[in-house]
PDB file of N, CA and C in Angstrom:
ATOM      1  N   UNK A   1     -14.907 -22.494  24.572  1.00  0.00           N
ATOM      2  CA  UNK A   1     -16.349 -22.390  24.725  1.00  0.00           C
ATOM      3  C   UNK A   1     -16.982 -23.377  23.740  1.00  0.00           C
ATOM      4  N   UNK A   2     -18.027 -24.030  24.186  1.00  0.00           N
ATOM      5  CA  UNK A   2     -18.714 -25.005  23.343  1.00  0.00           C
ATOM      6  C   UNK A   2     -20.111 -24.512  22.990  1.00  0.00           C
ATOM      7  N   UNK A   3     -20.558 -24.940  21.827  1.00  0.00           N
ATOM      8  CA  UNK A   3     -21.921 -24.659  21.387  1.00  0.00           C
ATOM      9  C   UNK A   3     -22.819 -25.741  21.978  1.00  0.00           C
ATOM     10  N   UNK A   4     -23.931 -25.311  22.584  1.00  0.00           N
ATOM     11  CA  UNK A   4     -24.860 -26.259  23.193  1.00  0.00           C
ATOM     12  C   UNK A   4     -25.664 -27.030  22.156  1.00  0.00           C
ATOM     13  N   UNK A   5     -26.473 -27.954  22.641  1.00  0.00           N
ATOM     14  CA  UNK A   5     -27.297 -28.808  21.768  1.00  0.00           C
ATOM     15  C   UNK A   5     -28.174 -28.006  20.811  1.00  0.00           C
ATOM     16  N   UNK A   6     -28.702 -26.909  21.290  1.00  0.00           N
ATOM     17  CA  UNK A   6     -29.630 -26.106  20.477  1.00  0.00           C
ATOM     18  C   UNK A   6     -28.922 -24.935  19.786  1.00  0.00           C
ATOM     19  N   UNK A   7     -27.590 -24.984  19.691  1.00  0.00           N
ATOM     20  CA  UNK A   7     -26.841 -23.950  18.985  1.00  0.00           C
ATOM     21  C   UNK A   7     -26.571 -22.714  19.818  1.00  0.00           C
ATOM     22  N   UNK A   8     -26.741 -22.813  21.121  1.00  0.00           N
ATOM     23  CA  UNK A   8     -26.569 -21.652  21.998  1.00  0.00           C
ATOM     24  C   UNK A   8     -25.144 -21.558  22.518  1.00  0.00           C
ATOM     25  N   UNK A   9     -24.690 -20.305  22.673  1.00  0.00           N
ATOM     26  CA  UNK A   9     -23.408 -20.029  23.312  1.00  0.00           C
ATOM     27  C   UNK A   9     -23.631 -18.950  24.352  1.00  0.00           C
ATOM     28  N   UNK A  10     -22.731 -18.847  25.313  1.00  0.00           N
ATOM     29  CA  UNK A  10     -22.807 -17.802  26.323  1.00  0.00           C
ATOM     30  C   UNK A  10     -21.778 -16.737  25.996  1.00  0.00           C
ATOM     31  N   UNK A  11     -22.227 -15.496  25.920  1.00  0.00           N
ATOM     32  CA  UNK A  11     -21.311 -14.379  25.701  1.00  0.00           C
ATOM     33  C   UNK A  11     -20.652 -14.079  27.046  1.00  0.00           C
ATOM     34  N   UNK A  12     -19.328 -14.073  27.094  1.00  0.00           N
ATOM     35  CA  UNK A  12     -18.651 -13.824  28.368  1.00  0.00           C
ATOM     36  C   UNK A  12     -19.084 -12.500  29.002  1.00  0.00           C
ATOM     37  N   UNK A  13     -19.160 -12.494  30.334  1.00  0.00           N
ATOM     38  CA  UNK A  13     -19.649 -11.336  31.086  1.00  0.00           C
ATOM     39  C   UNK A  13     -18.878 -10.069  30.765  1.00  0.00           C
ATOM     40  N   UNK A  14     -17.547 -10.152  30.663  1.00  0.00           N
ATOM     41  CA  UNK A  14     -16.769  -8.933  30.399  1.00  0.00           C
ATOM     42  C   UNK A  14     -17.123  -8.331  29.032  1.00  0.00           C
ATOM     43  N   UNK A  15     -17.461  -9.161  28.068  1.00  0.00           N
ATOM     44  CA  UNK A  15     -17.875  -8.653  26.752  1.00  0.00           C
ATOM     45  C   UNK A  15     -19.282  -8.070  26.837  1.00  0.00           C
ATOM     46  N   UNK A  16     -20.194  -8.765  27.539  1.00  0.00           N
ATOM     47  CA  UNK A  16     -21.557  -8.228  27.711  1.00  0.00           C
ATOM     48  C   UNK A  16     -21.518  -6.870  28.389  1.00  0.00           C
ATOM     49  N   UNK A  17     -20.701  -6.758  29.444  1.00  0.00           N
ATOM     50  CA  UNK A  17     -20.593  -5.487  30.174  1.00  0.00           C
ATOM     51  C   UNK A  17     -20.002  -4.384  29.301  1.00  0.00           C
ATOM     52  N   UNK A  18     -18.950  -4.708  28.570  1.00  0.00           N
ATOM     53  CA  UNK A  18     -18.261  -3.714  27.737  1.00  0.00           C
ATOM     54  C   UNK A  18     -19.181  -3.152  26.660  1.00  0.00           C
ATOM     55  N   UNK A  19     -20.048  -4.001  26.090  1.00  0.00           N
ATOM     56  CA  UNK A  19     -20.897  -3.574  24.982  1.00  0.00           C
ATOM     57  C   UNK A  19     -22.355  -3.357  25.378  1.00  0.00           C
ATOM     58  N   UNK A  20     -22.645  -3.432  26.668  1.00  0.00           N
ATOM     59  CA  UNK A  20     -23.996  -3.151  27.146  1.00  0.00           C
ATOM     60  C   UNK A  20     -25.028  -4.170  26.675  1.00  0.00           C
ATOM     61  N   UNK A  21     -24.620  -5.412  26.586  1.00  0.00           N
ATOM     62  CA  UNK A  21     -25.552  -6.468  26.176  1.00  0.00           C
ATOM     63  C   UNK A  21     -26.187  -7.048  27.430  1.00  0.00           C
ATOM     64  N   UNK A  22     -27.486  -6.835  27.553  1.00  0.00           N
ATOM     65  CA  UNK A  22     -28.239  -7.278  28.719  1.00  0.00           C
ATOM     66  C   UNK A  22     -29.344  -8.223  28.246  1.00  0.00           C
ATOM     67  N   UNK A  23     -30.038  -8.868  29.187  1.00  0.00           N
ATOM     68  CA  UNK A  23     -31.178  -9.695  28.773  1.00  0.00           C
ATOM     69  C   UNK A  23     -32.136  -8.871  27.909  1.00  0.00           C
ATOM     70  N   UNK A  24     -32.640  -9.475  26.883  1.00  0.00           N
ATOM     71  CA  UNK A  24     -33.556  -8.866  25.906  1.00  0.00           C
ATOM     72  C   UNK A  24     -32.861  -7.923  24.924  1.00  0.00           C
ATOM     73  N   UNK A  25     -31.530  -7.787  25.001  1.00  0.00           N
ATOM     74  CA  UNK A  25     -30.815  -7.029  23.976  1.00  0.00           C
ATOM     75  C   UNK A  25     -30.946  -7.790  22.661  1.00  0.00           C
ATOM     76  N   UNK A  26     -31.040  -7.052  21.566  1.00  0.00           N
ATOM     77  CA  UNK A  26     -31.118  -7.697  20.263  1.00  0.00           C
ATOM     78  C   UNK A  26     -29.744  -7.673  19.619  1.00  0.00           C
ATOM     79  N   UNK A  27     -29.387  -8.795  19.002  1.00  0.00           N
ATOM     80  CA  UNK A  27     -28.108  -8.922  18.319  1.00  0.00           C
ATOM     81  C   UNK A  27     -28.358  -9.496  16.931  1.00  0.00           C
ATOM     82  N   UNK A  28     -27.361  -9.333  16.069  1.00  0.00           N
ATOM     83  CA  UNK A  28     -27.443  -9.888  14.722  1.00  0.00           C
ATOM     84  C   UNK A  28     -26.116 -10.586  14.426  1.00  0.00           C
ATOM     85  N   UNK A  29     -26.203 -11.700  13.717  1.00  0.00           N
ATOM     86  CA  UNK A  29     -25.011 -12.410  13.285  1.00  0.00           C
ATOM     87  C   UNK A  29     -24.773 -12.081  11.815  1.00  0.00           C
ATOM     88  N   UNK A  30     -23.504 -11.806  11.467  1.00  0.00           N
ATOM     89  CA  UNK A  30     -23.140 -11.537  10.080  1.00  0.00           C
ATOM     90  C   UNK A  30     -21.923 -12.377   9.727  1.00  0.00           C
ATOM     91  N   UNK A  31     -21.834 -12.764   8.476  1.00  0.00           N
ATOM     92  CA  UNK A  31     -20.648 -13.455   7.990  1.00  0.00           C
ATOM     93  C   UNK A  31     -19.878 -12.457   7.152  1.00  0.00           C
ATOM     94  N   UNK A  32     -18.643 -12.147   7.587  1.00  0.00           N
ATOM     95  CA  UNK A  32     -17.793 -11.195   6.886  1.00  0.00           C
ATOM     96  C   UNK A  32     -16.428 -11.840   6.683  1.00  0.00           C
ATOM     97  N   UNK A  33     -16.032 -11.950   5.433  1.00  0.00           N
ATOM     98  CA  UNK A  33     -14.731 -12.551   5.084  1.00  0.00           C
ATOM     99  C   UNK A  33     -14.511 -13.901   5.778  1.00  0.00           C
ATOM    100  N   UNK A  34     -15.547 -14.713   5.822  1.00  0.00           N
ATOM    101  CA  UNK A  34     -15.420 -16.042   6.393  1.00  0.00           C
ATOM    102  C   UNK A  34     -15.473 -16.107   7.907  1.00  0.00           C
ATOM    103  N   UNK A  35     -15.687 -14.970   8.562  1.00  0.00           N
ATOM    104  CA  UNK A  35     -15.800 -14.951  10.023  1.00  0.00           C
ATOM    105  C   UNK A  35     -17.230 -14.642  10.427  1.00  0.00           C
ATOM    106  N   UNK A  36     -17.643 -15.168  11.565  1.00  0.00           N
ATOM    107  CA  UNK A  36     -18.975 -14.882  12.106  1.00  0.00           C
ATOM    108  C   UNK A  36     -18.828 -13.696  13.052  1.00  0.00           C
ATOM    109  N   UNK A  37     -19.603 -12.647  12.798  1.00  0.00           N
ATOM    110  CA  UNK A  37     -19.551 -11.421  13.599  1.00  0.00           C
ATOM    111  C   UNK A  37     -20.881 -11.268  14.326  1.00  0.00           C
ATOM    112  N   UNK A  38     -20.823 -10.997  15.626  1.00  0.00           N
ATOM    113  CA  UNK A  38     -22.015 -10.731  16.430  1.00  0.00           C
ATOM    114  C   UNK A  38     -22.057  -9.236  16.702  1.00  0.00           C
ATOM    115  N   UNK A  39     -23.162  -8.580  16.358  1.00  0.00           N
ATOM    116  CA  UNK A  39     -23.301  -7.147  16.604  1.00  0.00           C
ATOM    117  C   UNK A  39     -24.562  -6.880  17.404  1.00  0.00           C
ATOM    118  N   UNK A  40     -24.427  -5.982  18.363  1.00  0.00           N
ATOM    119  CA  UNK A  40     -25.591  -5.543  19.130  1.00  0.00           C
ATOM    120  C   UNK A  40     -26.377  -4.566  18.272  1.00  0.00           C
ATOM    121  N   UNK A  41     -27.683  -4.719  18.254  1.00  0.00           N
ATOM    122  CA  UNK A  41     -28.544  -3.802  17.515  1.00  0.00           C
ATOM    123  C   UNK A  41     -28.940  -2.684  18.462  1.00  0.00           C
ATOM    124  N   UNK A  42     -28.628  -1.460  18.079  1.00  0.00           N
ATOM    125  CA  UNK A  42     -28.999  -0.309  18.903  1.00  0.00           C
ATOM    126  C   UNK A  42     -30.506  -0.121  18.861  1.00  0.00           C
ATOM    127  N   UNK A  43     -31.065   0.165  20.020  1.00  0.00           N
ATOM    128  CA  UNK A  43     -32.497   0.448  20.067  1.00  0.00           C
ATOM    129  C   UNK A  43     -32.745   1.805  19.430  1.00  0.00           C
ATOM    130  N   UNK A  44     -33.777   1.884  18.643  1.00  0.00           N
ATOM    131  CA  UNK A  44     -34.109   3.162  18.028  1.00  0.00           C
ATOM    132  C   UNK A  44     -35.193   3.832  18.855  1.00  0.00           C
ATOM    133  N   UNK A  45     -35.097   5.109  18.937  1.00  0.00           N
ATOM    134  CA  UNK A  45     -36.073   5.890  19.675  1.00  0.00           C
ATOM    135  C   UNK A  45     -37.226   6.226  18.751  1.00  0.00           C
ATOM    136  N   UNK A  46     -38.434   5.858  19.141  1.00  0.00           N
ATOM    137  CA  UNK A  46     -39.618   6.127  18.329  1.00  0.00           C
ATOM    138  C   UNK A  46     -40.056   7.564  18.560  1.00  0.00           C
ATOM    139  N   UNK A  47     -39.550   8.462  17.718  1.00  0.00           N
ATOM    140  CA  UNK A  47     -39.865   9.879  17.877  1.00  0.00           C
ATOM    141  C   UNK A  47     -41.274  10.223  17.392  1.00  0.00           C
ATOM    142  N   UNK A  48     -41.862   9.360  16.590  1.00  0.00           N
ATOM    143  CA  UNK A  48     -43.198   9.645  16.060  1.00  0.00           C
ATOM    144  C   UNK A  48     -44.221   9.833  17.178  1.00  0.00           C
ATOM    145  N   UNK A  49     -44.058   9.108  18.286  1.00  0.00           N
ATOM    146  CA  UNK A  49     -45.033   9.229  19.373  1.00  0.00           C
ATOM    147  C   UNK A  49     -44.944  10.582  20.074  1.00  0.00           C
ATOM    148  N   UNK A  50     -43.832  11.318  19.874  1.00  0.00           N
ATOM    149  CA  UNK A  50     -43.661  12.622  20.505  1.00  0.00           C
ATOM    150  C   UNK A  50     -44.072  13.773  19.586  1.00  0.00           C
ATOM    151  N   UNK A  51     -44.365  13.455  18.334  1.00  0.00           N
ATOM    152  CA  UNK A  51     -44.711  14.488  17.363  1.00  0.00           C
ATOM    153  C   UNK A  51     -45.911  15.299  17.849  1.00  0.00           C
ATOM    154  N   UNK A  52     -45.758  16.616  17.835  1.00  0.00           N
ATOM    155  CA  UNK A  52     -46.843  17.507  18.211  1.00  0.00           C
ATOM    156  C   UNK A  52     -46.903  17.867  19.678  1.00  0.00           C
ATOM    157  N   UNK A  53     -46.073  17.281  20.525  1.00  0.00           N
ATOM    158  CA  UNK A  53     -46.123  17.550  21.959  1.00  0.00           C
ATOM    159  C   UNK A  53     -45.676  18.961  22.325  1.00  0.00           C
ATOM    160  N   UNK A  54     -44.905  19.587  21.482  1.00  0.00           N
ATOM    161  CA  UNK A  54     -44.393  20.929  21.795  1.00  0.00           C
ATOM    162  C   UNK A  54     -45.228  22.039  21.159  1.00  0.00           C
ATOM    163  N   UNK A  55     -46.221  21.671  20.398  1.00  0.00           N
ATOM    164  CA  UNK A  55     -47.019  22.654  19.658  1.00  0.00           C
ATOM    165  C   UNK A  55     -47.537  23.765  20.580  1.00  0.00           C
ATOM    166  N   UNK A  56     -48.154  23.390  21.701  1.00  0.00           N
ATOM    167  CA  UNK A  56     -48.705  24.400  22.619  1.00  0.00           C
ATOM    168  C   UNK A  56     -47.622  25.324  23.145  1.00  0.00           C
ATOM    169  N   UNK A  57     -46.488  24.742  23.530  1.00  0.00           N
ATOM    170  CA  UNK A  57     -45.389  25.552  24.076  1.00  0.00           C
ATOM    171  C   UNK A  57     -44.871  26.539  23.043  1.00  0.00           C
ATOM    172  N   UNK A  58     -44.703  26.083  21.811  1.00  0.00           N
ATOM    173  CA  UNK A  58     -44.230  26.985  20.765  1.00  0.00           C
ATOM    174  C   UNK A  58     -45.258  28.071  20.477  1.00  0.00           C
ATOM    175  N   UNK A  59     -46.526  27.692  20.485  1.00  0.00           N
ATOM    176  CA  UNK A  59     -47.585  28.684  20.274  1.00  0.00           C
ATOM    177  C   UNK A  59     -47.544  29.760  21.360  1.00  0.00           C
ATOM    178  N   UNK A  60     -47.383  29.320  22.609  1.00  0.00           N
ATOM    179  CA  UNK A  60     -47.322  30.273  23.724  1.00  0.00           C
ATOM    180  C   UNK A  60     -46.130  31.212  23.605  1.00  0.00           C
ATOM    181  N   UNK A  61     -45.037  30.702  23.056  1.00  0.00           N
ATOM    182  CA  UNK A  61     -43.831  31.520  22.882  1.00  0.00           C
ATOM    183  C   UNK A  61     -43.883  32.377  21.624  1.00  0.00           C
ATOM    184  N   UNK A  62     -44.884  32.149  20.783  1.00  0.00           N
ATOM    185  CA  UNK A  62     -45.061  32.958  19.583  1.00  0.00           C
ATOM    186  C   UNK A  62     -44.347  32.431  18.351  1.00  0.00           C
ATOM    187  N   UNK A  63     -44.005  31.163  18.341  1.00  0.00           N
ATOM    188  CA  UNK A  63     -43.343  30.562  17.184  1.00  0.00           C
ATOM    189  C   UNK A  63     -44.318  29.663  16.449  1.00  0.00           C
ATOM    190  N   UNK A  64     -44.256  29.706  15.123  1.00  0.00           N
ATOM    191  CA  UNK A  64     -45.147  28.849  14.348  1.00  0.00           C
ATOM    192  C   UNK A  64     -44.468  27.552  13.917  1.00  0.00           C
ATOM    193  N   UNK A  65     -43.114  27.517  13.948  1.00  0.00           N
ATOM    194  CA  UNK A  65     -42.394  26.304  13.574  1.00  0.00           C
ATOM    195  C   UNK A  65     -41.187  26.119  14.492  1.00  0.00           C
ATOM    196  N   UNK A  66     -40.692  24.907  14.526  1.00  0.00           N
ATOM    197  CA  UNK A  66     -39.483  24.605  15.290  1.00  0.00           C
ATOM    198  C   UNK A  66     -38.300  25.337  14.662  1.00  0.00           C
ATOM    199  N   UNK A  67     -38.264  25.361  13.327  1.00  0.00           N
ATOM    200  CA  UNK A  67     -37.170  26.049  12.631  1.00  0.00           C
ATOM    201  C   UNK A  67     -37.107  27.523  13.022  1.00  0.00           C
ATOM    202  N   UNK A  68     -38.244  28.156  13.139  1.00  0.00           N
ATOM    203  CA  UNK A  68     -38.311  29.567  13.539  1.00  0.00           C
ATOM    204  C   UNK A  68     -37.731  29.739  14.950  1.00  0.00           C
ATOM    205  N   UNK A  69     -38.078  28.834  15.844  1.00  0.00           N
ATOM    206  CA  UNK A  69     -37.564  28.864  17.213  1.00  0.00           C
ATOM    207  C   UNK A  69     -36.041  28.698  17.228  1.00  0.00           C
ATOM    208  N   UNK A  70     -35.549  27.707  16.471  1.00  0.00           N
ATOM    209  CA  UNK A  70     -34.115  27.452  16.443  1.00  0.00           C
ATOM    210  C   UNK A  70     -33.349  28.647  15.884  1.00  0.00           C
ATOM    211  N   UNK A  71     -33.853  29.222  14.822  1.00  0.00           N
ATOM    212  CA  UNK A  71     -33.201  30.399  14.239  1.00  0.00           C
ATOM    213  C   UNK A  71     -33.141  31.531  15.263  1.00  0.00           C
ATOM    214  N   UNK A  72     -34.204  31.706  16.040  1.00  0.00           N
ATOM    215  CA  UNK A  72     -34.248  32.767  17.028  1.00  0.00           C
ATOM    216  C   UNK A  72     -33.228  32.530  18.151  1.00  0.00           C
ATOM    217  N   UNK A  73     -33.159  31.312  18.659  1.00  0.00           N
ATOM    218  CA  UNK A  73     -32.227  31.068  19.759  1.00  0.00           C
ATOM    219  C   UNK A  73     -30.783  31.083  19.289  1.00  0.00           C
ATOM    220  N   UNK A  74     -30.566  30.879  17.998  1.00  0.00           N
ATOM    221  CA  UNK A  74     -29.215  30.988  17.441  1.00  0.00           C
ATOM    222  C   UNK A  74     -28.842  32.437  17.138  1.00  0.00           C
ATOM    223  N   UNK A  75     -29.833  33.306  17.277  1.00  0.00           N
ATOM    224  CA  UNK A  75     -29.580  34.730  17.070  1.00  0.00           C
ATOM    225  C   UNK A  75     -29.500  35.148  15.628  1.00  0.00           C
ATOM    226  N   UNK A  76     -30.191  34.431  14.778  1.00  0.00           N
ATOM    227  CA  UNK A  76     -30.173  34.762  13.334  1.00  0.00           C
ATOM    228  C   UNK A  76     -31.370  35.600  12.960  1.00  0.00           C
TER     229      UNK A  76
END
């Protein structure tokens, strides 16, 4: 495999498929012990946008906190 004029390389399809690398996937290059390592960056789930969405449901069920609900369903 050759590096193109602008420093680009193509990741072989079997590797892209195996590691779920698709268009717009983010990757990072690292140098470890003299080798160049390419790692896919896992997308993080932005849970902050969901904060408070269950408040009404918990209120209707009679729970004031998520911890209280979890303790109840665990039978504690």
